[in-house]
Amino acid sequence: MSHWILLAAATAGLGAVAVTVTPDVRRYLEFSRS
């Protein structure tokens, strides 16, 4: 049962990282494109 807790924690962590990194990636792509 505990592996579900670990899976949920890992998913939440990846989601937080994605939300934090996505704006920077988008800004970098727009900067490199121009």
PDB file of N, CA and C in Angstrom:
ATOM      1  N   MET A   1       0.831  -1.202   0.000  1.00  0.00           N
ATOM      2  CA  MET A   1       0.000   0.000   0.000  1.00  0.00           C
ATOM      3  C   MET A   1       0.871   1.258   0.000  1.00  0.00           C
ATOM      4  N   SER A   2       2.041   1.162   0.620  1.00  0.00           N
ATOM      5  CA  SER A   2       2.877   2.361   0.736  1.00  0.00           C
ATOM      6  C   SER A   2       3.433   2.802  -0.621  1.00  0.00           C
ATOM      7  N   HIS A   3       3.538   1.859  -1.570  1.00  0.00           N
ATOM      8  CA  HIS A   3       4.076   2.266  -2.866  1.00  0.00           C
ATOM      9  C   HIS A   3       3.127   3.225  -3.583  1.00  0.00           C
ATOM     10  N   TRP A   4       1.827   3.148  -3.266  1.00  0.00           N
ATOM     11  CA  TRP A   4       0.897   4.117  -3.852  1.00  0.00           C
ATOM     12  C   TRP A   4       1.177   5.512  -3.312  1.00  0.00           C
ATOM     13  N   ILE A   5       1.540   5.579  -2.007  1.00  0.00           N
ATOM     14  CA  ILE A   5       1.869   6.876  -1.405  1.00  0.00           C
ATOM     15  C   ILE A   5       3.130   7.435  -2.063  1.00  0.00           C
ATOM     16  N   LEU A   6       4.125   6.570  -2.270  1.00  0.00           N
ATOM     17  CA  LEU A   6       5.355   7.020  -2.922  1.00  0.00           C
ATOM     18  C   LEU A   6       5.068   7.467  -4.353  1.00  0.00           C
ATOM     19  N   LEU A   7       4.216   6.721  -5.051  1.00  0.00           N
ATOM     20  CA  LEU A   7       3.875   7.081  -6.422  1.00  0.00           C
ATOM     21  C   LEU A   7       3.166   8.427  -6.464  1.00  0.00           C
ATOM     22  N   ALA A   8       2.238   8.650  -5.534  1.00  0.00           N
ATOM     23  CA  ALA A   8       1.527   9.928  -5.483  1.00  0.00           C
ATOM     24  C   ALA A   8       2.490  11.070  -5.170  1.00  0.00           C
ATOM     25  N   ALA A   9       3.420  10.833  -4.245  1.00  0.00           N
ATOM     26  CA  ALA A   9       4.390  11.870  -3.893  1.00  0.00           C
ATOM     27  C   ALA A   9       5.304  12.184  -5.079  1.00  0.00           C
ATOM     28  N   ALA A  10       5.739  11.147  -5.792  1.00  0.00           N
ATOM     29  CA  ALA A  10       6.600  11.360  -6.951  1.00  0.00           C
ATOM     30  C   ALA A  10       5.854  12.118  -8.043  1.00  0.00           C
ATOM     31  N   THR A  11       4.587  11.758  -8.270  1.00  0.00           N
ATOM     32  CA  THR A  11       3.784  12.445  -9.282  1.00  0.00           C
ATOM     33  C   THR A  11       3.593  13.909  -8.919  1.00  0.00           C
ATOM     34  N   ALA A  12       3.300  14.179  -7.639  1.00  0.00           N
ATOM     35  CA  ALA A  12       3.120  15.560  -7.195  1.00  0.00           C
ATOM     36  C   ALA A  12       4.424  16.342  -7.347  1.00  0.00           C
ATOM     37  N   GLY A  13       5.543  15.703  -7.020  1.00  0.00           N
ATOM     38  CA  GLY A  13       6.834  16.369  -7.151  1.00  0.00           C
ATOM     39  C   GLY A  13       7.150  16.695  -8.604  1.00  0.00           C
ATOM     40  N   LEU A  14       6.919  15.726  -9.495  1.00  0.00           N
ATOM     41  CA  LEU A  14       7.166  15.977 -10.914  1.00  0.00           C
ATOM     42  C   LEU A  14       6.245  17.070 -11.437  1.00  0.00           C
ATOM     43  N   GLY A  15       4.995  17.073 -10.979  1.00  0.00           N
ATOM     44  CA  GLY A  15       4.055  18.113 -11.397  1.00  0.00           C
ATOM     45  C   GLY A  15       4.535  19.485 -10.963  1.00  0.00           C
ATOM     46  N   ALA A  16       5.027  19.580  -9.723  1.00  0.00           N
ATOM     47  CA  ALA A  16       5.522  20.864  -9.223  1.00  0.00           C
ATOM     48  C   ALA A  16       6.739  21.323 -10.022  1.00  0.00           C
ATOM     49  N   VAL A  17       7.634  20.388 -10.318  1.00  0.00           N
ATOM     50  CA  VAL A  17       8.821  20.725 -11.108  1.00  0.00           C
ATOM     51  C   VAL A  17       8.412  21.180 -12.509  1.00  0.00           C
ATOM     52  N   ALA A  18       7.449  20.485 -13.119  1.00  0.00           N
ATOM     53  CA  ALA A  18       7.000  20.848 -14.461  1.00  0.00           C
ATOM     54  C   ALA A  18       6.395  22.244 -14.463  1.00  0.00           C
ATOM     55  N   VAL A  19       5.565  22.544 -13.452  1.00  0.00           N
ATOM     56  CA  VAL A  19       4.941  23.869 -13.374  1.00  0.00           C
ATOM     57  C   VAL A  19       6.003  24.949 -13.182  1.00  0.00           C
ATOM     58  N   THR A  20       7.059  24.627 -12.445  1.00  0.00           N
ATOM     59  CA  THR A  20       8.116  25.612 -12.189  1.00  0.00           C
ATOM     60  C   THR A  20       8.996  25.819 -13.416  1.00  0.00           C
ATOM     61  N   VAL A  21       9.264  24.751 -14.158  1.00  0.00           N
ATOM     62  CA  VAL A  21      10.232  24.811 -15.262  1.00  0.00           C
ATOM     63  C   VAL A  21       9.600  25.260 -16.572  1.00  0.00           C
ATOM     64  N   THR A  22       8.322  24.936 -16.793  1.00  0.00           N
ATOM     65  CA  THR A  22       7.684  25.205 -18.083  1.00  0.00           C
ATOM     66  C   THR A  22       7.795  26.662 -18.540  1.00  0.00           C
ATOM     67  N   PRO A  23       7.512  27.669 -17.697  1.00  0.00           N
ATOM     68  CA  PRO A  23       7.650  29.058 -18.159  1.00  0.00           C
ATOM     69  C   PRO A  23       9.069  29.379 -18.615  1.00  0.00           C
ATOM     70  N   ASP A  24      10.087  28.852 -17.910  1.00  0.00           N
ATOM     71  CA  ASP A  24      11.464  29.118 -18.310  1.00  0.00           C
ATOM     72  C   ASP A  24      11.772  28.471 -19.651  1.00  0.00           C
ATOM     73  N   VAL A  25      11.278  27.257 -19.869  1.00  0.00           N
ATOM     74  CA  VAL A  25      11.509  26.571 -21.145  1.00  0.00           C
ATOM     75  C   VAL A  25      10.845  27.345 -22.274  1.00  0.00           C
ATOM     76  N   ARG A  26       9.618  27.799 -22.045  1.00  0.00           N
ATOM     77  CA  ARG A  26       8.897  28.550 -23.073  1.00  0.00           C
ATOM     78  C   ARG A  26       9.632  29.851 -23.395  1.00  0.00           C
ATOM     79  N   ARG A  27      10.139  30.532 -22.348  1.00  0.00           N
ATOM     80  CA  ARG A  27      10.869  31.783 -22.550  1.00  0.00           C
ATOM     81  C   ARG A  27      12.150  31.523 -23.327  1.00  0.00           C
ATOM     82  N   TYR A  28      12.842  30.421 -22.993  1.00  0.00           N
ATOM     83  CA  TYR A  28      14.085  30.077 -23.680  1.00  0.00           C
ATOM     84  C   TYR A  28      13.822  29.764 -25.152  1.00  0.00           C
ATOM     85  N   LEU A  29      12.724  29.027 -25.426  1.00  0.00           N
ATOM     86  CA  LEU A  29      12.407  28.690 -26.812  1.00  0.00           C
ATOM     87  C   LEU A  29      12.087  29.949 -27.610  1.00  0.00           C
ATOM     88  N   GLU A  30      11.317  30.861 -27.028  1.00  0.00           N
ATOM     89  CA  GLU A  30      10.985  32.093 -27.746  1.00  0.00           C
ATOM     90  C   GLU A  30      12.233  32.949 -27.946  1.00  0.00           C
ATOM     91  N   PHE A  31      13.151  32.930 -26.984  1.00  0.00           N
ATOM     92  CA  PHE A  31      14.380  33.716 -27.097  1.00  0.00           C
ATOM     93  C   PHE A  31      15.281  33.141 -28.182  1.00  0.00           C
ATOM     94  N   SER A  32      15.404  31.809 -28.235  1.00  0.00           N
ATOM     95  CA  SER A  32      16.292  31.181 -29.214  1.00  0.00           C
ATOM     96  C   SER A  32      15.694  31.242 -30.618  1.00  0.00           C
ATOM     97  N   ARG A  33      14.361  31.349 -30.704  1.00  0.00           N
ATOM     98  CA  ARG A  33      13.712  31.382 -32.016  1.00  0.00           C
ATOM     99  C   ARG A  33      13.916  32.742 -32.689  1.00  0.00           C
ATOM    100  N   SER A  34      13.934  33.819 -31.904  1.00  0.00           N
ATOM    101  CA  SER A  34      14.043  35.163 -32.482  1.00  0.00           C
ATOM    102  C   SER A  34      15.476  35.506 -32.887  1.00  0.00           C
TER     103      SER A  34
END
